[in-house]
C-alpha atoms as a PDB file:
ATOM      1  CA  UNK A   1     132.658-100.889-102.200  1.00  0.00           C
ATOM      2  CA  UNK A   2     134.313 -98.407-104.566  1.00  0.00           C
ATOM      3  CA  UNK A   3     136.649 -95.522-103.743  1.00  0.00           C
ATOM      4  CA  UNK A   4     133.963 -92.829-103.874  1.00  0.00           C
ATOM      5  CA  UNK A   5     131.726 -94.691-101.419  1.00  0.00           C
ATOM      6  CA  UNK A   6     134.589 -95.320 -98.990  1.00  0.00           C
ATOM      7  CA  UNK A   7     135.648 -91.670 -99.095  1.00  0.00           C
ATOM      8  CA  UNK A   8     132.054 -90.571 -98.490  1.00  0.00           C
ATOM      9  CA  UNK A   9     131.815 -92.774 -95.405  1.00  0.00           C
ATOM     10  CA  UNK A  10     135.173 -91.578 -94.072  1.00  0.00           C
ATOM     11  CA  UNK A  11     134.105 -87.956 -94.533  1.00  0.00           C
ATOM     12  CA  UNK A  12     130.856 -88.666 -92.699  1.00  0.00           C
ATOM     13  CA  UNK A  13     132.743 -90.431 -89.893  1.00  0.00           C
ATOM     14  CA  UNK A  14     134.800 -87.314 -89.143  1.00  0.00           C
ATOM     15  CA  UNK A  15     131.771 -85.628 -87.598  1.00  0.00           C
ATOM     16  CA  UNK A  16     130.729 -88.608 -85.466  1.00  0.00           C
ATOM     17  CA  UNK A  17     131.111 -89.072 -81.718  1.00  0.00           C
ATOM     18  CA  UNK A  18     131.357 -92.541 -80.154  1.00  0.00           C
ATOM     19  CA  UNK A  19     131.216 -93.344 -76.421  1.00  0.00           C
ATOM     20  CA  UNK A  20     133.276 -96.340 -75.257  1.00  0.00           C
ATOM     21  CA  UNK A  21     132.321 -98.005 -71.964  1.00  0.00           C
ATOM     22  CA  UNK A  22     134.379-100.857 -70.560  1.00  0.00           C
ATOM     23  CA  UNK A  23     137.536-102.197 -68.934  1.00  0.00           C
ATOM     24  CA  UNK A  24     140.387 -99.733 -69.453  1.00  0.00           C
ATOM     25  CA  UNK A  25     144.006-100.766 -69.062  1.00  0.00           C
ATOM     26  CA  UNK A  26     147.550 -99.573 -69.517  1.00  0.00           C
ATOM     27  CA  UNK A  27     149.605-101.643 -71.958  1.00  0.00           C
ATOM     28  CA  UNK A  28     153.369-101.517 -71.396  1.00  0.00           C
ATOM     29  CA  UNK A  29     155.949-102.980 -73.747  1.00  0.00           C
ATOM     30  CA  UNK A  30     159.569-103.713 -72.919  1.00  0.00           C
ATOM     31  CA  UNK A  31     161.505-104.257 -76.138  1.00  0.00           C
ATOM     32  CA  UNK A  32     164.849-106.043 -76.006  1.00  0.00           C
ATOM     33  CA  UNK A  33     167.095-108.773 -77.301  1.00  0.00           C
ATOM     34  CA  UNK A  34     168.124-112.166 -76.005  1.00  0.00           C
ATOM     35  CA  UNK A  35     171.735-113.284 -76.301  1.00  0.00           C
ATOM     36  CA  UNK A  36     172.129-115.672 -73.380  1.00  0.00           C
ATOM     37  CA  UNK A  37     170.392-117.864 -70.813  1.00  0.00           C
ATOM     38  CA  UNK A  38     170.392-116.842 -67.178  1.00  0.00           C
ATOM     39  CA  UNK A  39     172.857-118.735 -64.952  1.00  0.00           C
ATOM     40  CA  UNK A  40     170.256-118.549 -62.160  1.00  0.00           C
ATOM     41  CA  UNK A  41     167.487-120.420 -63.991  1.00  0.00           C
ATOM     42  CA  UNK A  42     166.833-121.829 -67.491  1.00  0.00           C
ATOM     43  CA  UNK A  43     165.241-118.597 -68.716  1.00  0.00           C
ATOM     44  CA  UNK A  44     166.361-116.050 -71.325  1.00  0.00           C
ATOM     45  CA  UNK A  45     168.002-112.812 -70.228  1.00  0.00           C
ATOM     46  CA  UNK A  46     166.363-109.891 -72.047  1.00  0.00           C
ATOM     47  CA  UNK A  47     168.602-106.875 -72.554  1.00  0.00           C
ATOM     48  CA  UNK A  48     166.231-103.899 -72.617  1.00  0.00           C
ATOM     49  CA  UNK A  49     166.559-101.601 -75.625  1.00  0.00           C
ATOM     50  CA  UNK A  50     163.338 -99.573 -75.451  1.00  0.00           C
ATOM     51  CA  UNK A  51     160.076 -99.204 -73.536  1.00  0.00           C
ATOM     52  CA  UNK A  52     156.671 -97.904 -74.636  1.00  0.00           C
ATOM     53  CA  UNK A  53     153.177 -97.539 -73.180  1.00  0.00           C
ATOM     54  CA  UNK A  54     149.721 -97.341 -74.761  1.00  0.00           C
ATOM     55  CA  UNK A  55     146.098 -97.191 -73.615  1.00  0.00           C
ATOM     56  CA  UNK A  56     144.771-100.764 -73.648  1.00  0.00           C
ATOM     57  CA  UNK A  57     141.540-102.725 -73.333  1.00  0.00           C
ATOM     58  CA  UNK A  58     138.530-100.469 -73.867  1.00  0.00           C
ATOM     59  CA  UNK A  59     140.965 -97.559 -74.102  1.00  0.00           C
ATOM     60  CA  UNK A  60     142.491 -99.209 -77.164  1.00  0.00           C
ATOM     61  CA  UNK A  61     139.037 -99.261 -78.776  1.00  0.00           C
ATOM     62  CA  UNK A  62     138.949 -95.506 -78.198  1.00  0.00           C
ATOM     63  CA  UNK A  63     142.442 -95.167 -79.715  1.00  0.00           C
ATOM     64  CA  UNK A  64     141.289 -96.969 -82.851  1.00  0.00           C
ATOM     65  CA  UNK A  65     138.346 -94.598 -83.216  1.00  0.00           C
ATOM     66  CA  UNK A  66     140.120 -91.308 -82.624  1.00  0.00           C
ATOM     67  CA  UNK A  67     141.917 -90.908 -86.008  1.00  0.00           C
ATOM     68  CA  UNK A  68     138.593 -91.324 -87.805  1.00  0.00           C
ATOM     69  CA  UNK A  69     136.030 -89.325 -85.822  1.00  0.00           C
ATOM     70  CA  UNK A  70     135.403 -86.088 -83.946  1.00  0.00           C
ATOM     71  CA  UNK A  71     135.219 -87.128 -80.298  1.00  0.00           C
ATOM     72  CA  UNK A  72     135.651 -90.311 -78.247  1.00  0.00           C
ATOM     73  CA  UNK A  73     134.623 -90.050 -74.588  1.00  0.00           C
ATOM     74  CA  UNK A  74     135.790 -93.039 -72.533  1.00  0.00           C
ATOM     75  CA  UNK A  75     134.006 -94.452 -69.475  1.00  0.00           C
ATOM     76  CA  UNK A  76     135.790 -96.960 -67.255  1.00  0.00           C
ATOM     77  CA  UNK A  77     137.495 -97.391 -63.914  1.00  0.00           C
ATOM     78  CA  UNK A  78     141.064 -96.526 -62.924  1.00  0.00           C
ATOM     79  CA  UNK A  79     142.834 -96.612 -59.593  1.00  0.00           C
ATOM     80  CA  UNK A  80     144.163 -93.689 -57.635  1.00  0.00           C
ATOM     81  CA  UNK A  81     147.750 -94.444 -58.529  1.00  0.00           C
ATOM     82  CA  UNK A  82     150.652 -93.438 -60.771  1.00  0.00           C
ATOM     83  CA  UNK A  83     149.512 -95.810 -63.507  1.00  0.00           C
ATOM     84  CA  UNK A  84     146.173 -93.990 -63.680  1.00  0.00           C
ATOM     85  CA  UNK A  85     147.924 -90.656 -64.121  1.00  0.00           C
ATOM     86  CA  UNK A  86     150.097 -92.124 -66.842  1.00  0.00           C
ATOM     87  CA  UNK A  87     147.054 -93.556 -68.611  1.00  0.00           C
ATOM     88  CA  UNK A  88     145.151 -90.270 -68.373  1.00  0.00           C
ATOM     89  CA  UNK A  89     148.141 -88.475 -69.866  1.00  0.00           C
ATOM     90  CA  UNK A  90     148.391 -90.893 -72.790  1.00  0.00           C
ATOM     91  CA  UNK A  91     144.659 -90.579 -73.463  1.00  0.00           C
ATOM     92  CA  UNK A  92     144.858 -86.782 -73.374  1.00  0.00           C
ATOM     93  CA  UNK A  93     147.760 -86.843 -75.855  1.00  0.00           C
ATOM     94  CA  UNK A  94     145.535 -88.736 -78.298  1.00  0.00           C
ATOM     95  CA  UNK A  95     142.530 -86.462 -77.791  1.00  0.00           C
ATOM     96  CA  UNK A  96     140.398 -89.060 -76.006  1.00  0.00           C
ATOM     97  CA  UNK A  97     137.929 -87.724 -73.438  1.00  0.00           C
ATOM     98  CA  UNK A  98     138.682 -88.782 -69.855  1.00  0.00           C
ATOM     99  CA  UNK A  99     135.871 -86.934 -68.064  1.00  0.00           C
ATOM    100  CA  UNK A 100     133.858 -90.168 -67.705  1.00  0.00           C
ATOM    101  CA  UNK A 101     136.677 -92.178 -66.107  1.00  0.00           C
ATOM    102  CA  UNK A 102     135.841 -93.230 -62.535  1.00  0.00           C
ATOM    103  CA  UNK A 103     138.689 -93.111 -60.017  1.00  0.00           C
ATOM    104  CA  UNK A 104     138.399 -95.751 -57.293  1.00  0.00           C
ATOM    105  CA  UNK A 105     141.110 -96.515 -54.760  1.00  0.00           C
ATOM    106  CA  UNK A 106     139.807-100.045 -54.187  1.00  0.00           C
ATOM    107  CA  UNK A 107     140.672-101.177 -57.724  1.00  0.00           C
ATOM    108  CA  UNK A 108     144.238-100.470 -58.877  1.00  0.00           C
ATOM    109  CA  UNK A 109     144.675 -99.507 -62.511  1.00  0.00           C
ATOM    110  CA  UNK A 110     145.015-102.628 -64.678  1.00  0.00           C
ATOM    111  CA  UNK A 111     148.480-102.846 -66.226  1.00  0.00           C
ATOM    112  CA  UNK A 112     149.730-105.463 -68.656  1.00  0.00           C
ATOM    113  CA  UNK A 113     153.477-105.472 -69.251  1.00  0.00           C
ATOM    114  CA  UNK A 114     154.750-107.458 -72.230  1.00  0.00           C
ATOM    115  CA  UNK A 115     158.435-108.245 -72.638  1.00  0.00           C
ATOM    116  CA  UNK A 116     159.264-108.734 -76.307  1.00  0.00           C
ATOM    117  CA  UNK A 117     162.515-109.923 -77.869  1.00  0.00           C
ATOM    118  CA  UNK A 118     163.078-110.448 -81.587  1.00  0.00           C
ATOM    119  CA  UNK A 119     159.406-109.780 -82.273  1.00  0.00           C
ATOM    120  CA  UNK A 120     158.408-112.606 -79.918  1.00  0.00           C
ATOM    121  CA  UNK A 121     156.686-112.113 -76.575  1.00  0.00           C
ATOM    122  CA  UNK A 122     158.842-113.678 -73.877  1.00  0.00           C
ATOM    123  CA  UNK A 123     156.497-113.138 -70.926  1.00  0.00           C
ATOM    124  CA  UNK A 124     153.568-110.973 -69.843  1.00  0.00           C
ATOM    125  CA  UNK A 125     153.219-109.536 -66.347  1.00  0.00           C
ATOM    126  CA  UNK A 126     149.700-108.516 -65.251  1.00  0.00           C
ATOM    127  CA  UNK A 127     148.852-106.128 -62.424  1.00  0.00           C
ATOM    128  CA  UNK A 128     145.147-106.310 -61.682  1.00  0.00           C
ATOM    129  CA  UNK A 129     142.637-106.873 -58.909  1.00  0.00           C
ATOM    130  CA  UNK A 130     139.123-107.923 -59.902  1.00  0.00           C
ATOM    131  CA  UNK A 131     136.915-106.447 -57.186  1.00  0.00           C
ATOM    132  CA  UNK A 132     133.714-107.458 -58.957  1.00  0.00           C
ATOM    133  CA  UNK A 133     130.863-104.974 -59.370  1.00  0.00           C
ATOM    134  CA  UNK A 134     130.993-102.155 -56.821  1.00  0.00           C
ATOM    135  CA  UNK A 135     127.674-100.332 -56.357  1.00  0.00           C
ATOM    136  CA  UNK A 136     129.357 -96.945 -55.924  1.00  0.00           C
ATOM    137  CA  UNK A 137     131.412 -97.349 -59.112  1.00  0.00           C
ATOM    138  CA  UNK A 138     128.441 -98.619 -61.114  1.00  0.00           C
ATOM    139  CA  UNK A 139     126.290 -95.678 -60.042  1.00  0.00           C
ATOM    140  CA  UNK A 140     128.999 -93.139 -60.871  1.00  0.00           C
ATOM    141  CA  UNK A 141     129.708 -94.743 -64.247  1.00  0.00           C
ATOM    142  CA  UNK A 142     125.997 -94.871 -65.124  1.00  0.00           C
ATOM    143  CA  UNK A 143     125.629 -91.183 -64.293  1.00  0.00           C
ATOM    144  CA  UNK A 144     128.644 -90.252 -66.421  1.00  0.00           C
ATOM    145  CA  UNK A 145     127.373 -92.374 -69.310  1.00  0.00           C
ATOM    146  CA  UNK A 146     123.949 -90.753 -69.012  1.00  0.00           C
ATOM    147  CA  UNK A 147     125.556 -87.336 -69.367  1.00  0.00           C
ATOM    148  CA  UNK A 148     127.511 -88.383 -72.473  1.00  0.00           C
ATOM    149  CA  UNK A 149     124.998 -90.467 -74.443  1.00  0.00           C
ATOM    150  CA  UNK A 150     122.684 -87.665 -75.666  1.00  0.00           C
ATOM    151  CA  UNK A 151     125.558 -85.997 -77.540  1.00  0.00           C
ATOM    152  CA  UNK A 152     127.129 -89.098 -79.168  1.00  0.00           C
ATOM    153  CA  UNK A 153     126.150 -91.069 -82.269  1.00  0.00           C
ATOM    154  CA  UNK A 154     126.942 -94.539 -80.975  1.00  0.00           C
ATOM    155  CA  UNK A 155     128.055 -96.516 -77.925  1.00  0.00           C
ATOM    156  CA  UNK A 156     130.466 -99.438 -77.606  1.00  0.00           C
ATOM    157  CA  UNK A 157     130.453-101.771 -74.587  1.00  0.00           C
ATOM    158  CA  UNK A 158     133.878-103.413 -74.322  1.00  0.00           C
ATOM    159  CA  UNK A 159     133.982-106.281 -71.823  1.00  0.00           C
ATOM    160  CA  UNK A 160     137.324-107.794 -70.849  1.00  0.00           C
ATOM    161  CA  UNK A 161     135.778-109.555 -67.855  1.00  0.00           C
ATOM    162  CA  UNK A 162     137.583-107.425 -65.250  1.00  0.00           C
ATOM    163  CA  UNK A 163     134.505-106.649 -63.153  1.00  0.00           C
ATOM    164  CA  UNK A 164     133.586-103.140 -64.298  1.00  0.00           C
ATOM    165  CA  UNK A 165     130.901-104.013 -66.835  1.00  0.00           C
ATOM    166  CA  UNK A 166     128.175-105.649 -64.751  1.00  0.00           C
ATOM    167  CA  UNK A 167     124.574-106.444 -65.698  1.00  0.00           C
ATOM    168  CA  UNK A 168     123.191-103.318 -64.031  1.00  0.00           C
ATOM    169  CA  UNK A 169     125.575-101.020 -65.892  1.00  0.00           C
ATOM    170  CA  UNK A 170     125.018-102.799 -69.200  1.00  0.00           C
ATOM    171  CA  UNK A 171     121.230-102.585 -68.785  1.00  0.00           C
ATOM    172  CA  UNK A 172     121.324 -98.889 -67.878  1.00  0.00           C
ATOM    173  CA  UNK A 173     123.580 -97.994 -70.811  1.00  0.00           C
ATOM    174  CA  UNK A 174     121.329-100.049 -73.076  1.00  0.00           C
ATOM    175  CA  UNK A 175     118.228 -98.263 -71.760  1.00  0.00           C
ATOM    176  CA  UNK A 176     119.803 -94.862 -72.296  1.00  0.00           C
ATOM    177  CA  UNK A 177     120.987 -95.737 -75.809  1.00  0.00           C
ATOM    178  CA  UNK A 178     117.514 -96.966 -76.750  1.00  0.00           C
ATOM    179  CA  UNK A 179     115.868 -93.861 -75.260  1.00  0.00           C
ATOM    180  CA  UNK A 180     118.093 -91.560 -77.316  1.00  0.00           C
ATOM    181  CA  UNK A 181     118.118 -93.645 -80.502  1.00  0.00           C
ATOM    182  CA  UNK A 182     121.860 -94.438 -80.425  1.00  0.00           C
ATOM    183  CA  UNK A 183     123.503 -97.440 -82.100  1.00  0.00           C
ATOM    184  CA  UNK A 184     124.838 -99.831 -79.450  1.00  0.00           C
ATOM    185  CA  UNK A 185     127.506-102.464 -80.092  1.00  0.00           C
ATOM    186  CA  UNK A 186     129.095-104.846 -77.595  1.00  0.00           C
ATOM    187  CA  UNK A 187     132.271-106.932 -77.486  1.00  0.00           C
ATOM    188  CA  UNK A 188     131.461-109.702 -74.959  1.00  0.00           C
ATOM    189  CA  UNK A 189     133.545-111.876 -72.674  1.00  0.00           C
ATOM    190  CA  UNK A 190     132.199-115.389 -71.957  1.00  0.00           C
ATOM    191  CA  UNK A 191     133.833-115.247 -68.523  1.00  0.00           C
ATOM    192  CA  UNK A 192     131.351-112.518 -67.624  1.00  0.00           C
ATOM    193  CA  UNK A 193     128.001-114.092 -68.625  1.00  0.00           C
ATOM    194  CA  UNK A 194     125.806-111.040 -69.187  1.00  0.00           C
ATOM    195  CA  UNK A 195     122.406-110.901 -70.852  1.00  0.00           C
ATOM    196  CA  UNK A 196     123.138-109.020 -74.083  1.00  0.00           C
ATOM    197  CA  UNK A 197     119.517-108.449 -75.050  1.00  0.00           C
ATOM    198  CA  UNK A 198     118.909-105.015 -76.513  1.00  0.00           C
ATOM    199  CA  UNK A 199     122.249-104.399 -78.214  1.00  0.00           C
ATOM    200  CA  UNK A 200     122.252-103.688 -81.949  1.00  0.00           C
ATOM    201  CA  UNK A 201     125.394-105.719 -82.599  1.00  0.00           C
ATOM    202  CA  UNK A 202     127.380-108.334 -80.696  1.00  0.00           C
ATOM    203  CA  UNK A 203     130.975-109.015 -81.786  1.00  0.00           C
ATOM    204  CA  UNK A 204     132.575-112.141 -80.315  1.00  0.00           C
ATOM    205  CA  UNK A 205     135.394-114.120 -81.874  1.00  0.00           C
ATOM    206  CA  UNK A 206     134.816-117.733 -82.858  1.00  0.00           C
ATOM    207  CA  UNK A 207     135.837-119.327 -79.545  1.00  0.00           C
ATOM    208  CA  UNK A 208     133.776-116.784 -77.581  1.00  0.00           C
ATOM    209  CA  UNK A 209     130.730-117.396 -79.771  1.00  0.00           C
ATOM    210  CA  UNK A 210     130.870-121.157 -79.224  1.00  0.00           C
ATOM    211  CA  UNK A 211     131.388-120.670 -75.475  1.00  0.00           C
ATOM    212  CA  UNK A 212     128.395-118.327 -75.157  1.00  0.00           C
ATOM    213  CA  UNK A 213     126.242-120.724 -77.155  1.00  0.00           C
ATOM    214  CA  UNK A 214     127.256-123.614 -74.891  1.00  0.00           C
ATOM    215  CA  UNK A 215     128.710-125.534 -77.834  1.00  0.00           C
ATOM    216  CA  UNK A 216     131.994-127.315 -78.455  1.00  0.00           C
ATOM    217  CA  UNK A 217     133.949-125.985 -81.425  1.00  0.00           C
ATOM    218  CA  UNK A 218     134.859-128.927 -83.688  1.00  0.00           C
ATOM    219  CA  UNK A 219     137.303-126.792 -85.679  1.00  0.00           C
ATOM    220  CA  UNK A 220     136.907-124.328 -88.501  1.00  0.00           C
ATOM    221  CA  UNK A 221     135.956-125.289 -92.040  1.00  0.00           C
ATOM    222  CA  UNK A 222     137.763-123.649 -94.939  1.00  0.00           C
ATOM    223  CA  UNK A 223     134.550-121.910 -96.001  1.00  0.00           C
ATOM    224  CA  UNK A 224     132.641-120.342 -93.081  1.00  0.00           C
ATOM    225  CA  UNK A 225     129.434-120.362 -95.139  1.00  0.00           C
ATOM    226  CA  UNK A 226     129.775-124.160 -95.357  1.00  0.00           C
ATOM    227  CA  UNK A 227     130.483-124.621 -91.650  1.00  0.00           C
ATOM    228  CA  UNK A 228     127.273-126.023 -90.069  1.00  0.00           C
ATOM    229  CA  UNK A 229     128.435-125.738 -86.426  1.00  0.00           C
ATOM    230  CA  UNK A 230     129.403-122.100 -86.912  1.00  0.00           C
ATOM    231  CA  UNK A 231     126.152-121.250 -88.686  1.00  0.00           C
ATOM    232  CA  UNK A 232     124.182-122.993 -85.952  1.00  0.00           C
ATOM    233  CA  UNK A 233     125.999-121.054 -83.223  1.00  0.00           C
ATOM    234  CA  UNK A 234     125.336-117.791 -85.035  1.00  0.00           C
ATOM    235  CA  UNK A 235     121.645-118.563 -85.300  1.00  0.00           C
ATOM    236  CA  UNK A 236     121.479-119.645 -81.660  1.00  0.00           C
ATOM    237  CA  UNK A 237     123.038-116.404 -80.377  1.00  0.00           C
ATOM    238  CA  UNK A 238     120.812-114.280 -82.609  1.00  0.00           C
ATOM    239  CA  UNK A 239     117.755-115.920 -81.069  1.00  0.00           C
ATOM    240  CA  UNK A 240     119.111-116.107 -77.522  1.00  0.00           C
ATOM    241  CA  UNK A 241     119.369-112.332 -77.206  1.00  0.00           C
ATOM    242  CA  UNK A 242     117.105-111.249 -80.067  1.00  0.00           C
ATOM    243  CA  UNK A 243     120.052-109.524 -81.697  1.00  0.00           C
ATOM    244  CA  UNK A 244     119.804-107.192 -84.649  1.00  0.00           C
ATOM    245  CA  UNK A 245     123.268-108.242 -85.800  1.00  0.00           C
ATOM    246  CA  UNK A 246     126.103-110.584 -84.889  1.00  0.00           C
ATOM    247  CA  UNK A 247     129.660-110.217 -86.229  1.00  0.00           C
ATOM    248  CA  UNK A 248     131.932-113.174 -85.462  1.00  0.00           C
ATOM    249  CA  UNK A 249     135.628-112.633 -86.137  1.00  0.00           C
ATOM    250  CA  UNK A 250     137.353-115.733 -87.474  1.00  0.00           C
ATOM    251  CA  UNK A 251     141.088-114.977 -87.506  1.00  0.00           C
ATOM    252  CA  UNK A 252     142.628-116.165 -90.749  1.00  0.00           C
ATOM    253  CA  UNK A 253     139.137-116.836 -92.120  1.00  0.00           C
ATOM    254  CA  UNK A 254     138.001-113.211 -91.838  1.00  0.00           C
ATOM    255  CA  UNK A 255     134.560-112.441 -90.413  1.00  0.00           C
ATOM    256  CA  UNK A 256     130.986-113.652 -90.747  1.00  0.00           C
ATOM    257  CA  UNK A 257     127.996-111.348 -90.307  1.00  0.00           C
ATOM    258  CA  UNK A 258     124.524-112.478 -89.237  1.00  0.00           C
ATOM    259  CA  UNK A 259     121.567-110.143 -89.752  1.00  0.00           C
ATOM    260  CA  UNK A 260     117.858-110.628 -89.197  1.00  0.00           C
ATOM    261  CA  UNK A 261     116.071-111.482 -92.431  1.00  0.00           C
ATOM    262  CA  UNK A 262     119.291-111.924 -94.447  1.00  0.00           C
ATOM    263  CA  UNK A 263     121.646-114.753 -95.336  1.00  0.00           C
ATOM    264  CA  UNK A 264     124.965-114.857 -93.435  1.00  0.00           C
ATOM    265  CA  UNK A 265     127.659-112.753 -95.105  1.00  0.00           C
ATOM    266  CA  UNK A 266     131.330-113.769 -95.121  1.00  0.00           C
ATOM    267  CA  UNK A 267     134.227-111.424 -95.777  1.00  0.00           C
ATOM    268  CA  UNK A 268     137.610-113.207 -96.071  1.00  0.00           C
ATOM    269  CA  UNK A 269     140.676-111.937 -94.252  1.00  0.00           C
ATOM    270  CA  UNK A 270     142.409-108.902 -95.753  1.00  0.00           C
ATOM    271  CA  UNK A 271     145.622-109.379 -93.776  1.00  0.00           C
ATOM    272  CA  UNK A 272     148.717-109.586 -95.978  1.00  0.00           C
ATOM    273  CA  UNK A 273     151.087-110.189 -93.060  1.00  0.00           C
ATOM    274  CA  UNK A 274     150.422-111.166 -89.446  1.00  0.00           C
ATOM    275  CA  UNK A 275     152.875-110.104 -86.724  1.00  0.00           C
ATOM    276  CA  UNK A 276     150.616-109.510 -83.709  1.00  0.00           C
ATOM    277  CA  UNK A 277     146.882-110.206 -83.347  1.00  0.00           C
ATOM    278  CA  UNK A 278     146.578-108.480 -79.951  1.00  0.00           C
ATOM    279  CA  UNK A 279     144.037-105.683 -80.192  1.00  0.00           C
ATOM    280  CA  UNK A 280     142.606-106.756 -83.547  1.00  0.00           C
ATOM    281  CA  UNK A 281     139.185-107.302 -81.966  1.00  0.00           C
ATOM    282  CA  UNK A 282     139.299-103.758 -80.599  1.00  0.00           C
ATOM    283  CA  UNK A 283     139.890-102.463 -84.112  1.00  0.00           C
ATOM    284  CA  UNK A 284     137.083-104.597 -85.505  1.00  0.00           C
ATOM    285  CA  UNK A 285     134.325-103.328 -83.209  1.00  0.00           C
ATOM    286  CA  UNK A 286     135.589 -99.739 -83.340  1.00  0.00           C
ATOM    287  CA  UNK A 287     135.507 -99.451 -87.128  1.00  0.00           C
ATOM    288  CA  UNK A 288     132.288-101.442 -87.520  1.00  0.00           C
ATOM    289  CA  UNK A 289     130.425 -99.198 -85.087  1.00  0.00           C
ATOM    290  CA  UNK A 290     131.802 -95.982 -86.509  1.00  0.00           C
ATOM    291  CA  UNK A 291     130.991 -97.092 -90.061  1.00  0.00           C
ATOM    292  CA  UNK A 292     127.352 -97.822 -89.198  1.00  0.00           C
ATOM    293  CA  UNK A 293     127.073 -94.462 -87.431  1.00  0.00           C
ATOM    294  CA  UNK A 294     128.524 -92.814 -90.544  1.00  0.00           C
ATOM    295  CA  UNK A 295     125.798 -94.326 -92.734  1.00  0.00           C
ATOM    296  CA  UNK A 296     127.300 -97.630 -93.884  1.00  0.00           C
ATOM    297  CA  UNK A 297     125.195-100.746 -94.339  1.00  0.00           C
ATOM    298  CA  UNK A 298     126.000-103.691 -92.080  1.00  0.00           C
ATOM    299  CA  UNK A 299     127.879-105.436 -94.895  1.00  0.00           C
ATOM    300  CA  UNK A 300     129.844-102.297 -95.765  1.00  0.00           C
ATOM    301  CA  UNK A 301     130.719-101.888 -92.083  1.00  0.00           C
ATOM    302  CA  UNK A 302     131.915-105.506 -91.948  1.00  0.00           C
ATOM    303  CA  UNK A 303     134.186-104.921 -94.948  1.00  0.00           C
ATOM    304  CA  UNK A 304     135.656-101.754 -93.421  1.00  0.00           C
ATOM    305  CA  UNK A 305     136.115-103.510 -90.077  1.00  0.00           C
ATOM    306  CA  UNK A 306     137.819-106.455 -91.774  1.00  0.00           C
ATOM    307  CA  UNK A 307     140.223-104.286 -93.787  1.00  0.00           C
ATOM    308  CA  UNK A 308     141.093-102.258 -90.672  1.00  0.00           C
ATOM    309  CA  UNK A 309     141.830-105.417 -88.680  1.00  0.00           C
ATOM    310  CA  UNK A 310     144.008-106.673 -91.512  1.00  0.00           C
ATOM    311  CA  UNK A 311     146.134-103.550 -91.249  1.00  0.00           C
ATOM    312  CA  UNK A 312     146.710-103.673 -87.481  1.00  0.00           C
ATOM    313  CA  UNK A 313     147.706-107.346 -87.299  1.00  0.00           C
ATOM    314  CA  UNK A 314     150.684-106.482 -89.509  1.00  0.00           C
ATOM    315  CA  UNK A 315     152.005-104.234 -86.720  1.00  0.00           C
ATOM    316  CA  UNK A 316     153.680-105.127 -83.443  1.00  0.00           C
ATOM    317  CA  UNK A 317     152.161-104.115 -80.128  1.00  0.00           C
ATOM    318  CA  UNK A 318     148.822-102.520 -79.324  1.00  0.00           C
ATOM    319  CA  UNK A 319     148.393-100.975 -82.767  1.00  0.00           C
ATOM    320  CA  UNK A 320     145.944 -98.647 -84.485  1.00  0.00           C
ATOM    321  CA  UNK A 321     145.661 -97.345 -88.035  1.00  0.00           C
ATOM    322  CA  UNK A 322     145.147 -94.102 -89.919  1.00  0.00           C
ATOM    323  CA  UNK A 323     142.489 -93.405 -92.595  1.00  0.00           C
ATOM    324  CA  UNK A 324     145.136 -93.472 -95.324  1.00  0.00           C
ATOM    325  CA  UNK A 325     146.153 -96.994 -94.339  1.00  0.00           C
ATOM    326  CA  UNK A 326     142.540 -98.146 -94.532  1.00  0.00           C
ATOM    327  CA  UNK A 327     142.158 -96.643 -98.003  1.00  0.00           C
ATOM    328  CA  UNK A 328     145.430 -98.299 -98.997  1.00  0.00           C
ATOM    329  CA  UNK A 329     144.142-101.708 -97.921  1.00  0.00           C
ATOM    330  CA  UNK A 330     141.017-101.300-100.045  1.00  0.00           C
ATOM    331  CA  UNK A 331     143.149-100.040-102.950  1.00  0.00           C
ATOM    332  CA  UNK A 332     145.022-103.350-103.030  1.00  0.00           C
ATOM    333  CA  UNK A 333     141.686-105.066-103.752  1.00  0.00           C
ATOM    334  CA  UNK A 334     140.661-102.449-106.323  1.00  0.00           C
ATOM    335  CA  UNK A 335     143.957-102.989-108.167  1.00  0.00           C
ATOM    336  CA  UNK A 336     143.492-106.762-108.456  1.00  0.00           C
END
């Protein structure tokens, strides 16, 4: 992909609208330093120097989209608590639509608090209560999604396995997307075994792909295109759900794309440095979906997704990127 083509796609993306449906969370970070061990127990004492909060989970997918496109409505569940208000405020600051968020007192807002010292995570504290599918919540979410889908260009289903994205909601969103001709991508969670038939693209990572295919991962080969177990898993998932496309992220080995009627396509990692891989999958599905909706081919979308992921893993915390950073990543390849 040359500079002119990338700029054309980025210009096209600015007018696009993408709906994100899935498990929303609040990510908190406590940044500090460790200089001693506690006298009470053999654990480090973290002296707090700073604290920060970001939208997480499906909300982080929305964050990754927002610098590149016109509108990003977000559909998920939050509690009726202070964390929900904080999350709504953060989303509003970033221009992410919150009208499709469902408030439900029976499910407290999911919060993940990471304590980090010297660029290393010391511990993570999770506040969550998986209530499983709740008919009232599913019905409200489906109605809100139905109102949003006609005016968007694409839909992303982001499943973190927290109970919000059930089969009924997935099927209804899929039906609506098909009825209105919208591109539909999904980021699955093997712990929530849904039938993904009908989506245009499924984006698991390697371990998730093997788990969903019911296979044991023997370990990655240096060349994904010469990795028979991986190729077999890709083919199995394509057939299992009659997928139009399958993008498997491979960490340090980049990504591999499966399409109907085409040979698998591998794009090697573009990461120059790796500090934190949390949220990289959110970036991958966000930029792939937006790129396709902006007119990119599947292979072009995979390249954009891969470059974007390479940028965010060089940052600490739940990170996103700006269009200029994406162009800069491509420019490093153009200059070599």
